[in-house]
Amino acid sequence: MKITGENIIGYTTSATGLEVLRAYDPVSNTQLAETFTIATATEVNRAVEKAATAFRTYRHTTPADRATFLEAIATEIMNMGDLLPARAVAESGLPLARITGERGRTIAQLQLFATVLREGSWVQAVIDPAQATTPVPKADIRKMLVPLGPVLVFPASNFPLAFSTAGGDTAAALAAGNPVIVKAHASHLGTNELIARAIQKAAQQCGMPDGVFSSLTGSGAALGQQLVKHPGIKAIGFTGSYKAGMAIFDAVNQRPEPVPVYAEMGSINPVLLLPGKLAAEATTVAQQYAASITQGVGQFCTSPGLLLALEGPGTEAFADRLQQELATVPAATMLNQGICYHYYENREQLARGEGVETLFAGDSGLEATKGSPALYRVSGSRFLQQAALQQEVFGPASLLVVCKDTAELVEVLTSLHGQLTGSVMGLQEDLDTYSQLIPLLAEKAGRIIFNQVPTGVEVGYAMHHGGPFPATTDIRSTSVGASAIDRFARPLCFQNWPQNLLPDALKDHNPLGIWRRIKGTLTQDAVHP
């Protein structure tokens, strides 16, 4: 499969624009050979118009047909063999083993949603049959989730496969019955095109409508804003920075017709280090968190950027060991020059905070696009006085906040912004003594973790990867796991409709064999008179 630099618009390719972009290799600090043509306004309109037309057909495809489509995408991705991982490594600087594992996760996500579709209960079918009550009979009312329309997906920088072109947002939106338009990430232009062509091929093989998928290339925020403001776009999935996510959110709310924006905008993922645990296992905990802070050069949205502890010998032992462990981790290649530059800029800003002490800071690797670990410390009182200390430093850095007593720790927890995760490291005696802290942490996070590090998000049915603002723009949504499909659907209620015009999920005889709630009871039975 050859990389051509063209935009993928449904079943066609297009490159009518005069402006181009080039991909970048962060390891060699050189541009890659291919040029990628920036989509014109005409091409943008054509992609959205095709998606809108495709939606009229695609929304009515059977769950089994969509499941087959997702599985075909997975097959086409694997059929590329070594070409895809090699390109992703070249554009991201990530090691081959990491990219290979990420490809496996991408496949697993597609297969998970195929399974969700075949099982079928995700549509949340509810049936209240007509009742001859007096004095007014009750109408026959049925409800289920239905797709929204064309979905715009912004891939992430830090996961060139699993949170990208065929990642969780795309898989969930296609599973729900929506066409997808991807705005290619500038850091993964070649990787994006390879995946886009795999999706295009799978769509043709499975007889999906032309326009069910498109991928467009753009520079900076220009293309994204064109797509965000297009009236044909009915929902948006985004993974990235707070600044970019809020620009999308604000633009959508200025449209005549606002649409849902599911933006995951990062997190500092606070870790509550309780005294008993540190007194007993300071070295072990320090080793765990040194590995978590530096995993993927700190470029995970679940990287632990905030460590909370009480004054005491266990905390001092932990702080000493953690800086020793971080000092053994060499600087490593970051995803791109921009991310590397902002990492050093943001960590220096953190270090200049009032009362902030630098415990360890590796030498700058900015010229080589490499990030070195860093650890900072501040008192609880100083932390409470400086809102800037809650800003994410995207990279291998963390801030240790040491509180003088439990009351101050309560204040710190109460002051925290919304987070993707919150972790507790403690013994049973800690949980008994500091039980009032756990609900405070749970109020701030979408996932709370006990005696484990936050890095690593499983693809499954129970996973929730979201959280209160500003971690995400919608506290109710997840971007990972089976429930991610719910973001790209809406309830539709059918009142007094004849059987032959109802969707299969709501028909009396339950042709799909799915679980439904009938008169308040979950059952797979047919509706009986």
Protein backbone atom coordinates (compact mmCIF):
# COMPACT_ATOMS: atom_id res chain seq x y z
CA MET A 1 0.00 0.00 0.00
CA LYS A 2 1.60 3.25 -1.15
CA ILE A 3 1.32 6.56 0.70
CA THR A 4 0.20 9.22 -1.79
CA GLY A 5 -0.67 12.18 0.45
CA GLU A 6 -4.23 12.36 -0.89
CA ASN A 7 -7.38 13.02 1.11
CA ILE A 8 -9.76 10.06 1.43
CA ILE A 9 -13.32 11.13 0.61
CA GLY A 10 -15.66 8.17 0.72
CA TYR A 11 -14.67 5.74 -2.01
CA THR A 12 -12.52 8.36 -3.79
CA THR A 13 -9.24 10.17 -3.21
CA SER A 14 -8.63 13.85 -3.83
CA ALA A 15 -5.69 16.27 -3.80
CA THR A 16 -6.82 19.47 -5.52
CA GLY A 17 -5.26 21.90 -3.05
CA LEU A 18 -1.97 23.75 -3.57
CA GLU A 19 -0.73 23.66 0.04
CA VAL A 20 0.98 20.61 1.52
CA LEU A 21 2.27 19.25 4.82
CA ARG A 22 5.11 16.85 5.54
CA ALA A 23 5.43 14.29 8.31
CA TYR A 24 8.25 14.51 10.84
CA ASP A 25 10.56 11.91 12.40
CA PRO A 26 11.25 13.02 16.01
CA VAL A 27 14.14 10.56 16.43
CA SER A 28 16.23 11.86 13.52
CA ASN A 29 14.72 15.37 13.69
CA THR A 30 14.07 15.28 9.97
CA GLN A 31 11.04 15.56 7.73
CA LEU A 32 9.85 12.43 5.96
CA ALA A 33 9.76 12.32 2.18
CA GLU A 34 6.04 12.34 1.34
CA THR A 35 3.90 15.45 1.00
CA PHE A 36 0.24 15.51 2.12
CA THR A 37 -2.18 17.82 0.38
CA ILE A 38 -4.26 20.10 2.59
CA ALA A 39 -7.99 19.71 1.93
CA THR A 40 -9.76 22.62 0.25
CA ALA A 41 -13.12 24.03 1.31
CA THR A 42 -14.67 22.23 -1.66
CA GLU A 43 -13.22 18.90 -0.52
CA VAL A 44 -14.43 19.52 3.03
CA ASN A 45 -17.96 20.16 1.78
CA ARG A 46 -17.86 17.10 -0.44
CA ALA A 47 -16.79 14.87 2.46
CA VAL A 48 -19.57 16.15 4.73
CA GLU A 49 -22.19 15.97 1.98
CA LYS A 50 -21.17 12.40 1.20
CA ALA A 51 -21.37 11.54 4.90
CA ALA A 52 -24.85 13.05 5.17
CA THR A 53 -26.03 11.05 2.15
CA ALA A 54 -24.41 7.88 3.46
CA PHE A 55 -26.13 8.33 6.83
CA ARG A 56 -29.55 7.86 5.25
CA THR A 57 -28.52 4.33 4.31
CA TYR A 58 -25.95 3.45 6.94
CA ARG A 59 -28.24 4.20 9.86
CA HIS A 60 -30.54 1.42 8.65
CA THR A 61 -27.85 -1.25 8.25
CA THR A 62 -28.26 -4.24 10.53
CA PRO A 63 -26.12 -4.60 13.64
CA ALA A 64 -24.66 -7.76 12.11
CA ASP A 65 -23.63 -5.90 8.95
CA ARG A 66 -21.93 -3.16 10.95
CA ALA A 67 -20.18 -5.78 13.08
CA THR A 68 -18.86 -7.42 9.93
CA PHE A 69 -17.66 -4.01 8.71
CA LEU A 70 -15.71 -3.37 11.93
CA GLU A 71 -14.15 -6.82 11.74
CA ALA A 72 -13.19 -6.18 8.12
CA ILE A 73 -11.40 -2.99 9.19
CA ALA A 74 -9.46 -5.00 11.76
CA THR A 75 -8.52 -7.55 9.10
CA GLU A 76 -7.33 -4.88 6.67
CA ILE A 77 -5.20 -3.29 9.38
CA MET A 78 -3.51 -6.61 10.07
CA ASN A 79 -3.13 -7.29 6.34
CA MET A 80 -0.73 -4.34 6.11
CA GLY A 81 1.81 -6.39 8.02
CA ASP A 82 4.96 -4.54 9.05
CA LEU A 83 4.25 -1.47 6.92
CA LEU A 84 1.90 0.15 9.44
CA PRO A 85 4.00 -0.32 12.61
CA ALA A 86 7.12 0.86 10.80
CA ARG A 87 5.42 4.06 9.67
CA ALA A 88 3.93 4.72 13.10
CA VAL A 89 7.36 4.29 14.71
CA ALA A 90 8.90 6.70 12.19
CA GLU A 91 6.28 9.39 12.87
CA SER A 92 6.01 9.07 16.66
CA GLY A 93 9.41 8.00 17.96
CA LEU A 94 7.63 5.32 19.99
CA PRO A 95 9.31 1.89 20.19
CA LEU A 96 8.13 -0.91 17.91
CA ALA A 97 6.93 -3.02 20.84
CA ARG A 98 4.68 -0.18 22.02
CA ILE A 99 3.23 0.34 18.52
CA THR A 100 2.70 -3.40 18.04
CA GLY A 101 0.80 -3.54 21.30
CA GLU A 102 -1.21 -0.49 20.34
CA ARG A 103 -2.17 -2.11 17.05
CA GLY A 104 -3.44 -5.09 19.05
CA ARG A 105 -5.50 -2.77 21.20
CA THR A 106 -6.96 -1.09 18.12
CA ILE A 107 -8.00 -4.48 16.79
CA ALA A 108 -9.46 -5.39 20.18
CA GLN A 109 -11.57 -2.21 20.23
CA LEU A 110 -13.02 -2.93 16.80
CA GLN A 111 -13.77 -6.52 17.81
CA LEU A 112 -15.33 -5.40 21.10
CA PHE A 113 -17.81 -3.15 19.32
CA ALA A 114 -18.58 -5.93 16.85
CA THR A 115 -19.47 -8.10 19.84
CA VAL A 116 -21.54 -5.29 21.38
CA LEU A 117 -23.51 -4.96 18.13
CA ARG A 118 -24.26 -8.66 17.84
CA GLU A 119 -25.38 -8.86 21.48
CA GLY A 120 -27.60 -5.85 20.84
CA SER A 121 -28.72 -4.58 24.24
CA TRP A 122 -26.69 -1.36 23.85
CA VAL A 123 -29.74 0.22 22.14
CA GLN A 124 -31.48 0.21 25.57
CA ALA A 125 -34.85 -0.85 24.19
CA VAL A 126 -37.76 -0.04 26.52
CA ILE A 127 -41.38 -1.02 25.86
CA ASP A 128 -44.50 0.07 27.72
CA PRO A 129 -47.37 -1.67 25.89
CA ALA A 130 -50.77 -0.01 25.54
CA GLN A 131 -53.07 -0.50 28.50
CA ALA A 132 -56.83 -0.15 28.61
CA THR A 133 -56.79 1.92 31.79
CA THR A 134 -59.62 4.19 32.91
CA PRO A 135 -60.58 6.90 32.55
CA VAL A 136 -57.84 7.39 29.87
CA PRO A 137 -56.19 4.42 28.09
CA LYS A 138 -52.38 4.42 28.05
CA ALA A 139 -50.73 4.59 24.63
CA ASP A 140 -48.18 2.07 23.36
CA ILE A 141 -44.76 3.73 23.94
CA ARG A 142 -41.38 2.31 22.95
CA LYS A 143 -37.88 3.82 23.13
CA MET A 144 -34.38 3.00 21.93
CA LEU A 145 -31.09 4.66 21.03
CA VAL A 146 -30.57 5.66 17.38
CA PRO A 147 -27.51 7.17 15.61
CA LEU A 148 -26.91 10.92 15.45
CA GLY A 149 -25.45 11.53 11.99
CA PRO A 150 -21.96 12.33 10.65
CA VAL A 151 -19.35 12.33 13.43
CA LEU A 152 -16.12 14.34 13.33
CA VAL A 153 -13.14 12.68 15.02
CA PHE A 154 -9.93 14.43 16.12
CA PRO A 155 -7.22 11.81 16.76
CA ALA A 156 -4.76 12.01 19.65
CA SER A 157 -1.06 12.76 19.37
CA ASN A 158 0.06 10.21 21.95
CA PHE A 159 -1.66 7.11 20.54
CA PRO A 160 -1.16 7.05 16.75
CA LEU A 161 -3.31 3.92 16.41
CA ALA A 162 -5.59 3.26 19.41
CA PHE A 163 -6.88 6.83 19.80
CA SER A 164 -6.49 7.78 16.18
CA THR A 165 -8.00 7.14 12.75
CA ALA A 166 -9.51 3.74 13.55
CA GLY A 167 -9.38 4.24 17.30
CA GLY A 168 -12.08 4.20 19.95
CA ASP A 169 -14.03 7.24 18.76
CA THR A 170 -14.20 6.04 15.15
CA ALA A 171 -15.06 2.47 16.13
CA ALA A 172 -17.82 3.59 18.52
CA ALA A 173 -19.33 6.06 16.04
CA LEU A 174 -19.36 3.53 13.18
CA ALA A 175 -20.80 0.88 15.49
CA ALA A 176 -23.68 3.17 16.47
CA GLY A 177 -24.55 3.72 12.80
CA ASN A 178 -22.85 7.05 12.07
CA PRO A 179 -20.53 7.96 9.18
CA VAL A 180 -17.16 9.30 10.35
CA ILE A 181 -14.90 12.08 9.10
CA VAL A 182 -11.39 12.12 10.58
CA LYS A 183 -9.25 15.24 10.71
CA ALA A 184 -5.79 13.67 10.32
CA HIS A 185 -3.33 14.49 13.09
CA ALA A 186 -0.35 16.41 11.75
CA SER A 187 2.04 14.14 13.67
CA HIS A 188 0.72 10.95 12.06
CA LEU A 189 0.00 11.85 8.45
CA GLY A 190 1.33 8.68 6.86
CA THR A 191 -0.03 6.43 9.59
CA ASN A 192 -3.42 8.10 9.18
CA GLU A 193 -3.47 7.54 5.44
CA LEU A 194 -2.60 3.85 5.75
CA ILE A 195 -5.42 3.31 8.27
CA ALA A 196 -7.84 5.43 6.23
CA ARG A 197 -7.20 3.34 3.15
CA ALA A 198 -7.77 0.18 5.19
CA ILE A 199 -11.16 1.53 6.34
CA GLN A 200 -12.02 2.61 2.81
CA LYS A 201 -11.21 -0.86 1.47
CA ALA A 202 -13.24 -2.56 4.21
CA ALA A 203 -16.22 -0.29 3.48
CA GLN A 204 -16.17 -1.23 -0.20
CA GLN A 205 -15.79 -4.93 0.55
CA CYS A 206 -18.77 -4.85 2.94
CA GLY A 207 -21.04 -2.82 0.66
CA MET A 208 -21.21 0.14 3.00
CA PRO A 209 -22.45 3.41 1.44
CA ASP A 210 -19.98 5.73 -0.25
CA GLY A 211 -19.14 8.42 2.31
CA VAL A 212 -19.38 6.26 5.41
CA PHE A 213 -15.77 7.25 6.09
CA SER A 214 -13.51 10.11 5.02
CA SER A 215 -10.14 11.44 6.16
CA LEU A 216 -8.96 15.01 5.56
CA THR A 217 -5.60 16.72 6.03
CA GLY A 218 -5.27 20.26 7.33
CA SER A 219 -2.85 22.74 8.83
CA GLY A 220 -3.21 24.04 12.38
CA ALA A 221 -6.76 24.79 13.50
CA ALA A 222 -8.11 25.92 10.12
CA LEU A 223 -9.50 22.60 8.87
CA GLY A 224 -10.78 21.65 12.29
CA GLN A 225 -12.74 24.87 12.61
CA GLN A 226 -14.24 24.45 9.12
CA LEU A 227 -15.46 20.99 10.04
CA VAL A 228 -16.61 21.92 13.55
CA LYS A 229 -18.77 24.72 12.18
CA HIS A 230 -20.21 22.70 9.28
CA PRO A 231 -23.95 22.15 9.81
CA GLY A 232 -23.64 18.59 8.50
CA ILE A 233 -21.54 17.49 11.48
CA LYS A 234 -23.76 16.11 14.26
CA ALA A 235 -21.25 15.10 16.96
CA ILE A 236 -17.55 15.43 17.73
CA GLY A 237 -15.00 13.20 19.42
CA PHE A 238 -11.71 14.79 20.51
CA THR A 239 -8.61 13.74 22.44
CA GLY A 240 -5.97 16.37 23.10
CA SER A 241 -5.10 19.52 25.00
CA TYR A 242 -7.42 21.68 27.08
CA LYS A 243 -6.77 24.68 24.82
CA ALA A 244 -7.71 22.85 21.62
CA GLY A 245 -10.63 21.02 23.20
CA MET A 246 -12.16 24.23 24.53
CA ALA A 247 -11.68 25.97 21.16
CA ILE A 248 -13.78 23.21 19.59
CA PHE A 249 -16.35 23.29 22.40
CA ASP A 250 -16.72 27.07 22.19
CA ALA A 251 -17.02 27.02 18.38
CA VAL A 252 -19.73 24.39 18.51
CA ASN A 253 -21.74 26.42 21.00
CA GLN A 254 -21.71 29.35 18.59
CA ARG A 255 -23.36 27.29 15.86
CA PRO A 256 -27.05 27.79 15.13
CA GLU A 257 -27.39 24.10 16.01
CA PRO A 258 -24.99 23.11 18.81
CA VAL A 259 -24.04 19.42 18.80
CA PRO A 260 -22.48 17.11 21.40
CA VAL A 261 -18.71 17.51 21.90
CA TYR A 262 -17.00 14.61 23.66
CA ALA A 263 -13.58 16.10 24.36
CA GLU A 264 -11.05 14.36 26.55
CA MET A 265 -8.66 17.16 27.53
CA GLY A 266 -6.15 15.60 29.88
CA SER A 267 -5.67 15.23 33.61
CA ILE A 268 -3.03 15.40 36.35
CA ASN A 269 -4.40 12.21 37.95
CA PRO A 270 -3.89 12.82 41.69
CA VAL A 271 -2.46 10.03 43.82
CA LEU A 272 -3.32 9.92 47.52
CA LEU A 273 -0.30 8.46 49.37
CA LEU A 274 -1.48 7.44 52.82
CA PRO A 275 0.96 7.31 55.78
CA GLY A 276 0.75 3.63 56.67
CA LYS A 277 1.52 2.58 53.11
CA LEU A 278 4.52 4.91 52.86
CA ALA A 279 5.85 3.88 56.26
CA ALA A 280 5.74 0.21 55.26
CA GLU A 281 6.51 0.33 51.53
CA ALA A 282 8.10 3.67 50.61
CA THR A 283 10.69 2.09 48.31
CA THR A 284 8.22 -0.11 46.48
CA VAL A 285 5.73 2.71 45.96
CA ALA A 286 8.51 5.02 44.74
CA GLN A 287 9.62 2.43 42.21
CA GLN A 288 6.05 1.94 40.99
CA TYR A 289 5.46 5.64 40.53
CA ALA A 290 8.82 6.39 38.95
CA ALA A 291 7.91 3.85 36.27
CA SER A 292 4.41 5.29 35.89
CA ILE A 293 5.54 8.93 35.71
CA THR A 294 8.05 8.13 32.97
CA GLN A 295 6.05 5.52 31.06
CA GLY A 296 5.80 6.59 27.43
CA VAL A 297 7.93 9.65 28.37
CA GLY A 298 4.99 10.81 30.49
CA GLN A 299 2.83 11.25 27.42
CA PHE A 300 -0.20 9.40 28.76
CA CYS A 301 -3.40 11.22 29.70
CA THR A 302 -3.35 9.08 32.88
CA SER A 303 0.22 9.92 33.89
CA PRO A 304 0.37 10.69 37.66
CA GLY A 305 1.25 14.38 37.71
CA LEU A 306 0.15 15.10 41.30
CA LEU A 307 1.19 13.18 44.42
CA LEU A 308 -0.57 14.05 47.71
CA ALA A 309 0.86 13.07 51.10
CA LEU A 310 0.98 14.04 54.77
CA GLU A 311 4.11 15.22 56.58
CA GLY A 312 6.05 12.37 58.14
CA PRO A 313 9.06 10.08 57.86
CA GLY A 314 7.34 7.81 55.34
CA THR A 315 6.76 10.74 53.01
CA GLU A 316 10.40 11.84 53.33
CA ALA A 317 11.61 8.31 52.57
CA PHE A 318 9.29 8.13 49.57
CA ALA A 319 10.42 11.52 48.22
CA ASP A 320 14.09 10.60 48.58
CA ARG A 321 13.66 7.25 46.84
CA LEU A 322 11.45 8.64 44.07
CA GLN A 323 14.01 11.24 43.04
CA GLN A 324 16.71 8.54 43.06
CA GLU A 325 14.59 6.32 40.82
CA LEU A 326 13.80 9.16 38.40
CA ALA A 327 17.49 10.03 38.16
CA THR A 328 18.14 6.58 36.66
CA VAL A 329 15.66 7.10 33.81
CA PRO A 330 17.33 8.55 30.70
CA ALA A 331 15.73 11.22 28.54
CA ALA A 332 13.69 9.70 25.72
CA THR A 333 12.19 10.86 22.44
CA MET A 334 8.90 12.73 22.71
CA LEU A 335 6.16 12.66 20.10
CA ASN A 336 7.04 15.88 18.30
CA GLN A 337 8.96 19.13 18.65
CA GLY A 338 5.93 21.10 19.83
CA ILE A 339 5.11 18.69 22.65
CA CYS A 340 8.76 18.62 23.73
CA TYR A 341 9.01 22.41 23.72
CA HIS A 342 5.85 22.85 25.77
CA TYR A 343 6.98 20.16 28.22
CA TYR A 344 10.11 22.07 29.15
CA GLU A 345 8.30 25.40 29.12
CA ASN A 346 5.55 24.10 31.42
CA ARG A 347 7.84 22.33 33.84
CA GLU A 348 9.97 25.48 34.16
CA GLN A 349 6.82 27.46 34.87
CA LEU A 350 5.90 24.92 37.54
CA ALA A 351 9.35 25.21 39.09
CA ARG A 352 8.94 29.00 39.36
CA GLY A 353 5.80 28.65 41.48
CA GLU A 354 5.98 30.24 44.91
CA GLY A 355 7.34 27.75 47.42
CA VAL A 356 7.97 25.07 44.79
CA GLU A 357 11.19 23.10 45.36
CA THR A 358 12.91 21.18 42.57
CA LEU A 359 13.76 17.73 43.92
CA PHE A 360 15.09 16.47 40.59
CA ALA A 361 15.15 17.80 37.04
CA GLY A 362 17.02 16.04 34.26
CA ASP A 363 18.95 18.05 31.71
CA SER A 364 16.99 19.54 28.84
CA GLY A 365 16.83 17.35 25.74
CA LEU A 366 14.90 19.92 23.73
CA GLU A 367 17.33 20.05 20.81
CA ALA A 368 17.08 16.28 20.40
CA THR A 369 13.27 16.22 21.02
CA LYS A 370 13.86 14.24 24.21
CA GLY A 371 12.11 14.62 27.55
CA SER A 372 13.92 14.06 30.86
CA PRO A 373 12.15 13.31 34.17
CA ALA A 374 11.45 15.94 36.81
CA LEU A 375 10.03 15.99 40.34
CA TYR A 376 8.89 19.02 42.32
CA ARG A 377 7.61 19.56 45.85
CA VAL A 378 5.36 22.15 47.48
CA SER A 379 3.47 22.49 50.76
CA GLY A 380 -0.29 22.05 50.89
CA SER A 381 -0.78 25.70 51.87
CA ARG A 382 1.25 26.96 48.90
CA PHE A 383 -0.58 24.62 46.56
CA LEU A 384 -3.93 26.00 47.69
CA GLN A 385 -2.77 29.54 46.94
CA GLN A 386 -1.72 28.87 43.32
CA ALA A 387 -4.24 27.60 40.80
CA ALA A 388 -1.48 27.37 38.19
CA LEU A 389 -0.01 24.38 40.03
CA GLN A 390 -2.97 22.33 38.79
CA GLN A 391 -2.07 22.85 35.14
CA GLU A 392 -1.03 19.69 33.31
CA VAL A 393 2.66 19.27 32.47
CA PHE A 394 2.42 16.81 29.59
CA GLY A 395 5.57 14.77 29.99
CA PRO A 396 7.57 12.85 32.64
CA ALA A 397 7.13 15.30 35.53
CA SER A 398 5.18 15.18 38.78
CA LEU A 399 4.47 17.47 41.75
CA LEU A 400 4.54 16.18 45.34
CA VAL A 401 2.20 18.15 47.62
CA VAL A 402 2.96 17.63 51.33
CA CYS A 403 0.17 18.62 53.71
CA LYS A 404 0.73 19.48 57.37
CA ASP A 405 -2.37 17.61 58.58
CA THR A 406 -5.55 15.87 57.47
CA ALA A 407 -7.55 19.10 57.47
CA GLU A 408 -5.17 20.65 54.94
CA LEU A 409 -5.28 17.50 52.82
CA VAL A 410 -9.07 17.73 52.81
CA GLU A 411 -8.78 21.32 51.53
CA VAL A 412 -6.38 20.24 48.79
CA LEU A 413 -8.66 17.43 47.64
CA THR A 414 -11.66 19.75 47.68
CA SER A 415 -9.80 22.30 45.54
CA LEU A 416 -8.88 19.86 42.77
CA HIS A 417 -10.26 20.18 39.25
CA GLY A 418 -11.97 17.27 37.50
CA GLN A 419 -9.71 14.32 36.68
CA LEU A 420 -9.70 11.18 34.58
CA THR A 421 -8.34 9.13 37.48
CA GLY A 422 -7.67 9.35 41.18
CA SER A 423 -5.53 6.77 42.98
CA VAL A 424 -5.22 5.69 46.61
CA MET A 425 -2.11 3.96 47.94
CA GLY A 426 -2.89 2.64 51.40
CA LEU A 427 -3.15 -0.20 53.89
CA GLN A 428 -6.40 -1.30 55.48
CA GLU A 429 -5.55 0.75 58.56
CA ASP A 430 -5.12 3.80 56.31
CA LEU A 431 -8.55 3.28 54.80
CA ASP A 432 -10.07 3.10 58.28
CA THR A 433 -8.25 6.18 59.56
CA TYR A 434 -8.67 8.37 56.46
CA SER A 435 -12.01 7.10 55.18
CA GLN A 436 -13.34 10.66 54.80
CA LEU A 437 -10.78 11.34 52.03
CA ILE A 438 -12.00 8.68 49.62
CA PRO A 439 -15.38 10.28 48.78
CA LEU A 440 -13.63 13.61 48.17
CA LEU A 441 -11.32 12.00 45.64
CA ALA A 442 -14.21 10.11 44.03
CA GLU A 443 -16.06 13.41 43.46
CA LYS A 444 -13.18 14.60 41.30
CA ALA A 445 -12.46 11.54 39.14
CA GLY A 446 -14.01 9.26 36.57
CA ARG A 447 -12.04 6.22 37.80
CA ILE A 448 -10.63 5.63 41.27
CA ILE A 449 -7.78 3.14 41.69
CA PHE A 450 -6.56 1.29 44.77
CA ASN A 451 -2.90 0.32 45.20
CA GLN A 452 -2.13 0.46 41.49
CA VAL A 453 -0.78 3.10 39.12
CA PRO A 454 -3.22 4.99 36.85
CA THR A 455 -1.33 4.48 33.58
CA GLY A 456 -3.04 1.81 31.49
CA VAL A 457 -6.67 1.78 30.39
CA GLU A 458 -8.31 -1.59 29.75
CA VAL A 459 -10.65 -2.11 26.80
CA GLY A 460 -13.72 -3.80 28.24
CA TYR A 461 -17.29 -3.45 29.43
CA ALA A 462 -16.70 -1.88 32.86
CA MET A 463 -14.02 0.66 31.90
CA HIS A 464 -14.80 4.36 32.20
CA HIS A 465 -12.31 6.79 30.71
CA GLY A 466 -13.73 10.23 31.35
CA GLY A 467 -14.29 12.53 34.27
CA PRO A 468 -15.58 15.87 35.55
CA PHE A 469 -14.65 19.04 33.66
CA PRO A 470 -11.97 19.97 32.65
CA ALA A 471 -10.88 16.36 32.19
CA THR A 472 -13.75 16.04 29.71
CA THR A 473 -16.55 18.24 28.41
CA ASP A 474 -19.19 15.65 29.33
CA ILE A 475 -18.88 14.00 32.74
CA ARG A 476 -21.28 11.22 31.71
CA SER A 477 -19.23 9.90 28.79
CA THR A 478 -16.33 7.49 28.31
CA SER A 479 -13.94 7.31 25.38
CA VAL A 480 -12.83 3.75 26.17
CA GLY A 481 -14.90 0.61 26.66
CA ALA A 482 -18.20 -0.71 25.42
CA SER A 483 -20.19 2.23 26.79
CA ALA A 484 -18.35 4.61 24.45
CA ILE A 485 -20.94 3.75 21.80
CA ASP A 486 -23.61 5.62 23.82
CA ARG A 487 -21.99 8.99 23.03
CA PHE A 488 -22.94 8.76 19.37
CA ALA A 489 -26.59 7.88 19.78
CA ARG A 490 -29.75 9.56 21.08
CA PRO A 491 -33.06 8.29 22.46
CA LEU A 492 -36.00 8.11 20.05
CA CYS A 493 -39.47 7.36 21.33
CA PHE A 494 -42.12 5.63 19.16
CA GLN A 495 -45.74 6.10 20.24
CA ASN A 496 -48.55 3.93 18.89
CA TRP A 497 -46.63 2.75 15.79
CA PRO A 498 -47.68 -0.32 13.77
CA GLN A 499 -45.45 -3.37 14.13
CA ASN A 500 -44.21 -3.40 10.54
CA LEU A 501 -42.82 0.14 10.85
CA LEU A 502 -41.04 -0.33 14.17
CA PRO A 503 -37.29 -1.02 14.32
CA ASP A 504 -36.52 -4.70 14.92
CA ALA A 505 -35.30 -3.89 18.44
CA LEU A 506 -38.81 -2.73 19.40
CA LYS A 507 -41.01 -5.25 17.62
CA ASP A 508 -43.20 -7.48 19.77
CA HIS A 509 -41.57 -10.77 18.75
CA ASN A 510 -38.01 -9.51 19.38
CA PRO A 511 -36.42 -10.75 16.14
CA LEU A 512 -32.94 -9.69 17.35
CA GLY A 513 -33.27 -11.71 20.56
CA ILE A 514 -31.89 -8.82 22.65
CA TRP A 515 -32.49 -7.89 26.26
CA ARG A 516 -35.25 -5.28 26.60
CA ARG A 517 -37.09 -3.63 29.47
CA ILE A 518 -40.80 -4.48 29.12
CA LYS A 519 -43.15 -2.97 31.67
CA GLY A 520 -40.13 -2.33 33.87
CA THR A 521 -38.65 -5.84 33.71
CA LEU A 522 -35.51 -6.84 31.81
CA THR A 523 -36.27 -9.79 29.57
CA GLN A 524 -35.59 -11.38 26.20
CA ASP A 525 -39.21 -12.49 25.92
CA ALA A 526 -41.65 -11.30 23.29
CA VAL A 527 -44.29 -8.73 24.20
CA HIS A 528 -47.40 -10.61 25.25
CA PRO A 529 -50.93 -9.17 25.12
